[in-house]
C-alpha atoms as a PDB file:
ATOM      1  CA  MET A   1       0.000   0.000   0.000  1.00  0.00           C
ATOM      2  CA  TRP A   2       2.898   2.367   0.725  1.00  0.00           C
ATOM      3  CA  SER A   3       4.094   2.113  -2.885  1.00  0.00           C
ATOM      4  CA  SER A   4       0.660   3.105  -4.228  1.00  0.00           C
ATOM      5  CA  ARG A   5       0.599   6.159  -1.950  1.00  0.00           C
ATOM      6  CA  LEU A   6       4.057   7.168  -3.162  1.00  0.00           C
ATOM      7  CA  PHE A   7       2.899   6.659  -6.745  1.00  0.00           C
ATOM      8  CA  ARG A   8      -0.098   8.953  -6.169  1.00  0.00           C
ATOM      9  CA  LEU A   9       2.163  11.587  -4.610  1.00  0.00           C
ATOM     10  CA  LEU A  10       4.405  11.510  -7.676  1.00  0.00           C
ATOM     11  CA  ILE A  11       1.362  11.748  -9.940  1.00  0.00           C
ATOM     12  CA  LEU A  12       0.443  15.154  -8.510  1.00  0.00           C
ATOM     13  CA  SER A  13       3.526  16.697 -10.070  1.00  0.00           C
ATOM     14  CA  LEU A  14       3.028  15.200 -13.551  1.00  0.00           C
ATOM     15  CA  PRO A  15       1.192  16.628 -16.571  1.00  0.00           C
ATOM     16  CA  ALA A  16      -2.328  15.465 -17.515  1.00  0.00           C
ATOM     17  CA  THR A  17      -1.098  12.326 -19.310  1.00  0.00           C
ATOM     18  CA  LEU A  18       1.657   9.836 -18.568  1.00  0.00           C
ATOM     19  CA  ALA A  19       3.348   7.107 -20.558  1.00  0.00           C
ATOM     20  CA  LEU A  20       2.669   3.920 -18.612  1.00  0.00           C
ATOM     21  CA  ALA A  21       4.602   1.417 -20.688  1.00  0.00           C
ATOM     22  CA  GLY A  22       7.325   1.262 -23.273  1.00  0.00           C
ATOM     23  CA  SER A  23       4.639   1.094 -25.980  1.00  0.00           C
ATOM     24  CA  GLY A  24       3.960   4.818 -25.609  1.00  0.00           C
ATOM     25  CA  GLU A  25       0.388   4.276 -24.402  1.00  0.00           C
ATOM     26  CA  LEU A  26      -0.912   7.230 -22.432  1.00  0.00           C
ATOM     27  CA  ALA A  27      -3.316   7.199 -19.527  1.00  0.00           C
ATOM     28  CA  PRO A  28      -5.888   9.984 -19.250  1.00  0.00           C
ATOM     29  CA  ALA A  29      -5.704  12.320 -16.254  1.00  0.00           C
ATOM     30  CA  ASP A  30      -8.915  10.928 -14.734  1.00  0.00           C
ATOM     31  CA  VAL A  31      -7.200   7.533 -14.387  1.00  0.00           C
ATOM     32  CA  LEU A  32      -4.111   9.031 -12.775  1.00  0.00           C
ATOM     33  CA  GLU A  33      -6.117  10.994 -10.226  1.00  0.00           C
ATOM     34  CA  ASN A  34      -7.804   7.838  -8.931  1.00  0.00           C
ATOM     35  CA  VAL A  35      -4.995   5.246  -8.980  1.00  0.00           C
ATOM     36  CA  LEU A  36      -5.395   2.592  -6.288  1.00  0.00           C
ATOM     37  CA  ASP A  37      -2.315   0.504  -7.106  1.00  0.00           C
ATOM     38  CA  VAL A  38       0.248  -0.340  -9.806  1.00  0.00           C
ATOM     39  CA  VAL A  39       2.280  -3.478 -10.455  1.00  0.00           C
ATOM     40  CA  ARG A  40       5.029  -3.956 -13.072  1.00  0.00           C
ATOM     41  CA  ALA A  41       6.645  -7.001 -14.662  1.00  0.00           C
ATOM     42  CA  ASP A  42       7.671  -8.275 -18.089  1.00  0.00           C
ATOM     43  CA  TRP A  43       4.559 -10.353 -18.898  1.00  0.00           C
ATOM     44  CA  ASN A  44       5.140 -10.575 -22.661  1.00  0.00           C
ATOM     45  CA  ALA A  45       8.856 -11.521 -22.309  1.00  0.00           C
ATOM     46  CA  ASP A  46      10.203  -8.715 -24.510  1.00  0.00           C
ATOM     47  CA  GLY A  47      12.673  -7.355 -21.941  1.00  0.00           C
ATOM     48  CA  VAL A  48      10.567  -4.237 -21.176  1.00  0.00           C
ATOM     49  CA  LEU A  49       8.433  -3.855 -18.075  1.00  0.00           C
ATOM     50  CA  ASP A  50       4.671  -3.910 -18.607  1.00  0.00           C
ATOM     51  CA  ARG A  51       2.214  -2.355 -16.141  1.00  0.00           C
ATOM     52  CA  ALA A  52      -1.163  -3.004 -14.598  1.00  0.00           C
ATOM     53  CA  VAL A  53      -2.941   0.021 -13.136  1.00  0.00           C
ATOM     54  CA  LEU A  54      -5.938  -0.460 -10.839  1.00  0.00           C
ATOM     55  CA  TRP A  55      -8.026   2.678 -10.688  1.00  0.00           C
ATOM     56  CA  GLN A  56     -11.330   3.975  -9.432  1.00  0.00           C
ATOM     57  CA  PRO A  57     -13.361   5.504 -12.307  1.00  0.00           C
ATOM     58  CA  GLN A  58     -14.634   8.270 -10.031  1.00  0.00           C
ATOM     59  CA  ALA A  59     -14.294   9.145  -6.383  1.00  0.00           C
ATOM     60  CA  GLY A  60     -16.647   7.001  -4.343  1.00  0.00           C
ATOM     61  CA  ALA A  61     -17.280   4.433  -7.103  1.00  0.00           C
ATOM     62  CA  ASP A  62     -17.982   0.898  -5.871  1.00  0.00           C
ATOM     63  CA  LEU A  63     -15.977  -0.999  -8.492  1.00  0.00           C
ATOM     64  CA  ALA A  64     -12.409  -0.495  -9.686  1.00  0.00           C
ATOM     65  CA  ASN A  65     -11.221  -0.806 -13.279  1.00  0.00           C
ATOM     66  CA  LEU A  66      -7.962  -2.199 -14.576  1.00  0.00           C
ATOM     67  CA  TYR A  67      -5.642  -1.054 -17.368  1.00  0.00           C
ATOM     68  CA  VAL A  68      -2.937  -3.447 -18.514  1.00  0.00           C
ATOM     69  CA  PHE A  69      -0.267  -1.848 -20.693  1.00  0.00           C
ATOM     70  CA  LEU A  70       1.936  -4.254 -22.638  1.00  0.00           C
ATOM     71  CA  SER A  71       5.090  -3.042 -24.362  1.00  0.00           C
ATOM     72  CA  GLY A  72       6.631  -4.017 -27.676  1.00  0.00           C
ATOM     73  CA  ALA A  73       5.342  -4.466 -31.211  1.00  0.00           C
ATOM     74  CA  ALA A  74       2.612  -6.877 -30.117  1.00  0.00           C
ATOM     75  CA  GLY A  75       1.819  -4.772 -27.029  1.00  0.00           C
ATOM     76  CA  GLY A  76      -1.157  -2.596 -26.422  1.00  0.00           C
ATOM     77  CA  ARG A  77      -3.691  -1.703 -23.810  1.00  0.00           C
ATOM     78  CA  VAL A  78      -6.307  -3.961 -22.249  1.00  0.00           C
ATOM     79  CA  VAL A  79      -9.099  -2.302 -20.283  1.00  0.00           C
ATOM     80  CA  ALA A  80     -11.363  -4.238 -17.927  1.00  0.00           C
ATOM     81  CA  SER A  81     -14.176  -2.636 -15.947  1.00  0.00           C
ATOM     82  CA  GLY A  82     -15.470  -3.699 -12.556  1.00  0.00           C
ATOM     83  CA  VAL A  83     -12.702  -6.135 -11.626  1.00  0.00           C
ATOM     84  CA  ALA A  84     -12.711  -5.444  -7.862  1.00  0.00           C
ATOM     85  CA  TRP A  85     -14.654  -3.679  -5.148  1.00  0.00           C
ATOM     86  CA  SER A  86     -12.707  -0.442  -4.940  1.00  0.00           C
ATOM     87  CA  ARG A  87     -13.339   0.712  -1.383  1.00  0.00           C
ATOM     88  CA  LEU A  88     -15.522  -1.034   1.129  1.00  0.00           C
ATOM     89  CA  GLY A  89     -14.899  -0.316   4.768  1.00  0.00           C
ATOM     90  CA  SER A  90     -11.420   1.051   5.337  1.00  0.00           C
ATOM     91  CA  GLU A  91      -9.595  -1.008   2.694  1.00  0.00           C
ATOM     92  CA  GLU A  92      -8.762  -0.113  -0.904  1.00  0.00           C
ATOM     93  CA  ALA A  93      -8.399  -2.728  -3.616  1.00  0.00           C
ATOM     94  CA  TRP A  94      -4.775  -3.611  -4.408  1.00  0.00           C
ATOM     95  CA  LEU A  95      -2.571  -5.605  -6.782  1.00  0.00           C
ATOM     96  CA  GLU A  96      -0.050  -8.288  -5.886  1.00  0.00           C
ATOM     97  CA  PRO A  97       2.616  -9.588  -8.290  1.00  0.00           C
ATOM     98  CA  ASP A  98       2.822 -13.294  -9.073  1.00  0.00           C
ATOM     99  CA  ARG A  99       5.319 -15.211 -11.208  1.00  0.00           C
ATOM    100  CA  ARG A 100       2.652 -15.758 -13.926  1.00  0.00           C
ATOM    101  CA  GLY A 101       0.955 -12.361 -13.701  1.00  0.00           C
ATOM    102  CA  PHE A 102      -0.705 -10.631 -10.769  1.00  0.00           C
ATOM    103  CA  GLY A 103      -3.592 -10.785  -8.333  1.00  0.00           C
ATOM    104  CA  VAL A 104      -6.378  -8.215  -7.989  1.00  0.00           C
ATOM    105  CA  LEU A 105      -7.465  -8.219  -4.339  1.00  0.00           C
ATOM    106  CA  SER A 106     -10.116  -6.459  -2.323  1.00  0.00           C
ATOM    107  CA  GLY A 107     -11.626  -6.849   1.087  1.00  0.00           C
ATOM    108  CA  GLY A 108     -13.726  -5.169   3.669  1.00  0.00           C
ATOM    109  CA  LEU A 109     -16.238  -5.415   6.462  1.00  0.00           C
ATOM    110  CA  SER A 110     -19.964  -6.034   6.056  1.00  0.00           C
ATOM    111  CA  GLY A 111     -21.649  -5.786   9.445  1.00  0.00           C
ATOM    112  CA  LYS A 112     -19.422  -7.972  11.612  1.00  0.00           C
ATOM    113  CA  THR A 113     -18.312 -10.159   8.724  1.00  0.00           C
ATOM    114  CA  ARG A 114     -14.880  -9.574   7.211  1.00  0.00           C
ATOM    115  CA  TRP A 115     -14.290 -10.704   3.655  1.00  0.00           C
ATOM    116  CA  GLN A 116     -11.547 -10.812   1.054  1.00  0.00           C
ATOM    117  CA  GLU A 117     -11.705 -11.784  -2.596  1.00  0.00           C
ATOM    118  CA  GLY A 118      -9.189 -12.046  -5.374  1.00  0.00           C
ATOM    119  CA  LEU A 119      -8.756 -12.602  -9.085  1.00  0.00           C
ATOM    120  CA  MET A 120      -5.613 -14.233 -10.429  1.00  0.00           C
ATOM    121  CA  ILE A 121      -4.529 -12.832 -13.790  1.00  0.00           C
ATOM    122  CA  ALA A 122      -2.019 -14.772 -15.887  1.00  0.00           C
ATOM    123  CA  PHE A 123      -0.764 -14.183 -19.397  1.00  0.00           C
ATOM    124  CA  GLU A 124      -1.416 -16.790 -22.072  1.00  0.00           C
ATOM    125  CA  ASN A 125       0.261 -15.938 -25.394  1.00  0.00           C
ATOM    126  CA  GLY A 126       0.550 -12.322 -24.239  1.00  0.00           C
ATOM    127  CA  VAL A 127      -3.169 -12.034 -23.415  1.00  0.00           C
ATOM    128  CA  PRO A 128      -4.255 -11.372 -19.812  1.00  0.00           C
ATOM    129  CA  ARG A 129      -6.756 -13.987 -18.648  1.00  0.00           C
ATOM    130  CA  VAL A 130      -8.562 -14.672 -15.380  1.00  0.00           C
ATOM    131  CA  VAL A 131      -7.245 -18.067 -14.286  1.00  0.00           C
ATOM    132  CA  GLY A 132      -8.495 -18.105 -10.699  1.00  0.00           C
ATOM    133  CA  TYR A 133     -10.911 -16.599  -8.198  1.00  0.00           C
ATOM    134  CA  SER A 134     -11.071 -16.805  -4.402  1.00  0.00           C
ATOM    135  CA  TYR A 135     -13.414 -15.574  -1.705  1.00  0.00           C
ATOM    136  CA  HIS A 136     -13.059 -15.845   2.042  1.00  0.00           C
ATOM    137  CA  SER A 137     -15.478 -14.522   4.654  1.00  0.00           C
ATOM    138  CA  TRP A 138     -15.426 -14.851   8.422  1.00  0.00           C
ATOM    139  CA  ASP A 139     -17.319 -13.532  11.424  1.00  0.00           C
ATOM    140  CA  PRO A 140     -15.562 -14.055  14.754  1.00  0.00           C
ATOM    141  CA  ALA A 141     -18.950 -14.125  16.530  1.00  0.00           C
ATOM    142  CA  ALA A 142     -20.454 -16.682  14.101  1.00  0.00           C
ATOM    143  CA  PRO A 143     -17.625 -18.711  12.524  1.00  0.00           C
ATOM    144  CA  GLU A 144     -20.084 -21.239  11.029  1.00  0.00           C
ATOM    145  CA  GLN A 145     -21.404 -18.547   8.673  1.00  0.00           C
ATOM    146  CA  GLY A 146     -18.040 -17.875   7.035  1.00  0.00           C
ATOM    147  CA  PHE A 147     -16.621 -19.796   4.110  1.00  0.00           C
ATOM    148  CA  VAL A 148     -13.594 -20.228   1.876  1.00  0.00           C
ATOM    149  CA  CYS A 149     -14.088 -20.749  -1.839  1.00  0.00           C
ATOM    150  CA  THR A 150     -11.532 -21.067  -4.634  1.00  0.00           C
ATOM    151  CA  ALA A 151     -12.011 -21.527  -8.356  1.00  0.00           C
ATOM    152  CA  ASP A 152      -9.246 -22.672 -10.708  1.00  0.00           C
ATOM    153  CA  PHE A 153     -10.605 -21.920 -14.191  1.00  0.00           C
ATOM    154  CA  ALA A 154      -7.549 -23.425 -15.903  1.00  0.00           C
ATOM    155  CA  ALA A 155      -8.009 -26.775 -14.126  1.00  0.00           C
ATOM    156  CA  GLY A 156     -11.811 -26.644 -14.352  1.00  0.00           C
ATOM    157  CA  LYS A 157     -12.398 -27.211 -10.652  1.00  0.00           C
ATOM    158  CA  GLY A 158     -13.132 -25.389  -7.436  1.00  0.00           C
ATOM    159  CA  SER A 159     -13.735 -25.939  -3.747  1.00  0.00           C
ATOM    160  CA  ARG A 160     -16.056 -24.411  -1.149  1.00  0.00           C
ATOM    161  CA  ASN A 161     -15.166 -25.300   2.449  1.00  0.00           C
ATOM    162  CA  GLY A 162     -13.485 -28.441   1.139  1.00  0.00           C
ATOM    163  CA  ALA A 163     -16.382 -29.613  -1.069  1.00  0.00           C
ATOM    164  CA  ALA A 164     -15.220 -29.893  -4.693  1.00  0.00           C
ATOM    165  CA  PHE A 165     -17.193 -28.664  -7.706  1.00  0.00           C
ATOM    166  CA  ALA A 166     -16.556 -28.562 -11.457  1.00  0.00           C
ATOM    167  CA  ILE A 167     -16.158 -25.424 -13.578  1.00  0.00           C
ATOM    168  CA  ALA A 168     -16.827 -25.466 -17.332  1.00  0.00           C
ATOM    169  CA  GLY A 169     -15.383 -23.094 -19.890  1.00  0.00           C
ATOM    170  CA  GLY A 170     -11.700 -22.676 -19.040  1.00  0.00           C
ATOM    171  CA  THR A 171      -9.857 -19.421 -18.380  1.00  0.00           C
ATOM    172  CA  ILE A 172     -11.611 -16.130 -19.094  1.00  0.00           C
ATOM    173  CA  PRO A 173     -10.175 -13.220 -21.106  1.00  0.00           C
ATOM    174  CA  LEU A 174      -9.709 -10.302 -18.715  1.00  0.00           C
ATOM    175  CA  THR A 175     -11.963  -8.140 -20.890  1.00  0.00           C
ATOM    176  CA  GLY A 176     -14.746 -10.738 -20.477  1.00  0.00           C
ATOM    177  CA  TRP A 177     -14.657 -10.815 -16.669  1.00  0.00           C
ATOM    178  CA  SER A 178     -17.708  -9.731 -14.673  1.00  0.00           C
ATOM    179  CA  TYR A 179     -19.155 -10.659 -11.326  1.00  0.00           C
ATOM    180  CA  GLU A 180     -21.650 -12.877 -13.149  1.00  0.00           C
ATOM    181  CA  ARG A 181     -18.685 -15.153 -14.036  1.00  0.00           C
ATOM    182  CA  ILE A 182     -18.095 -16.072 -10.368  1.00  0.00           C
ATOM    183  CA  PRO A 183     -19.007 -19.759  -9.946  1.00  0.00           C
ATOM    184  CA  PRO A 184     -22.299 -20.038  -7.979  1.00  0.00           C
ATOM    185  CA  PRO A 185     -20.709 -21.926  -5.025  1.00  0.00           C
ATOM    186  CA  CYS A 186     -18.303 -18.970  -4.512  1.00  0.00           C
ATOM    187  CA  ARG A 187     -20.958 -16.260  -4.424  1.00  0.00           C
ATOM    188  CA  ALA A 188     -21.363 -14.616  -1.027  1.00  0.00           C
ATOM    189  CA  ARG A 189     -24.623 -15.437   0.737  1.00  0.00           C
END
C-alpha cells in the first residue's frame, strides 16, 4: 500500500497524461487521479516492463477498473471494468505480483463479517486472462457462517469449504470478466 501512496504523490507533479509502458500508451488524467495501485513485470517476455494500473473511475465508485499496458510491437492496452470492489470499509483494492501475472485483491467489512476476494490474472500468449478466483469470509462471533471458496478456471475445478465442484469453460479473457462469471458456489450469501 505504501508504494501506491508514493505513486499517487508523484502523480500530482506530472502533466495530464503519462506514458505507462514502453509502448507509448498514455493514460488519461482521470485515471491518474484515482490510482489505487500499480504493479510492473515483463509479462510478454520482450525485456521491457509492462504495467497493470488499478483505478477507481470516479471518487466514491464501488468498483475499480484495470488497465494493462503491454510493451513491444505486439503490445497494447487492455481495459477491464469492474474487476474489484474499490473501497468497502477502510480497505482499498490492491494488486499483488505473481510469477505468472498478478492478483487483484479487495476486502472489507460487512456488518461484523470480514471478507476478502481475489482474481488471479495470468498471461497466455501475451493475453491477460482470469485463471483463478477466491473468496473468504469470516465472522468471529459466528464462525459457522463464514466460508472459503476457490475456483481454478484453468483446471476446471473449485472448492467451497473443502467440497469440490466442477467449472466449465476454461480461463476467461480479462476483458470478459464480470461478477456474473463467479461460480455459484463462490458467491457470497
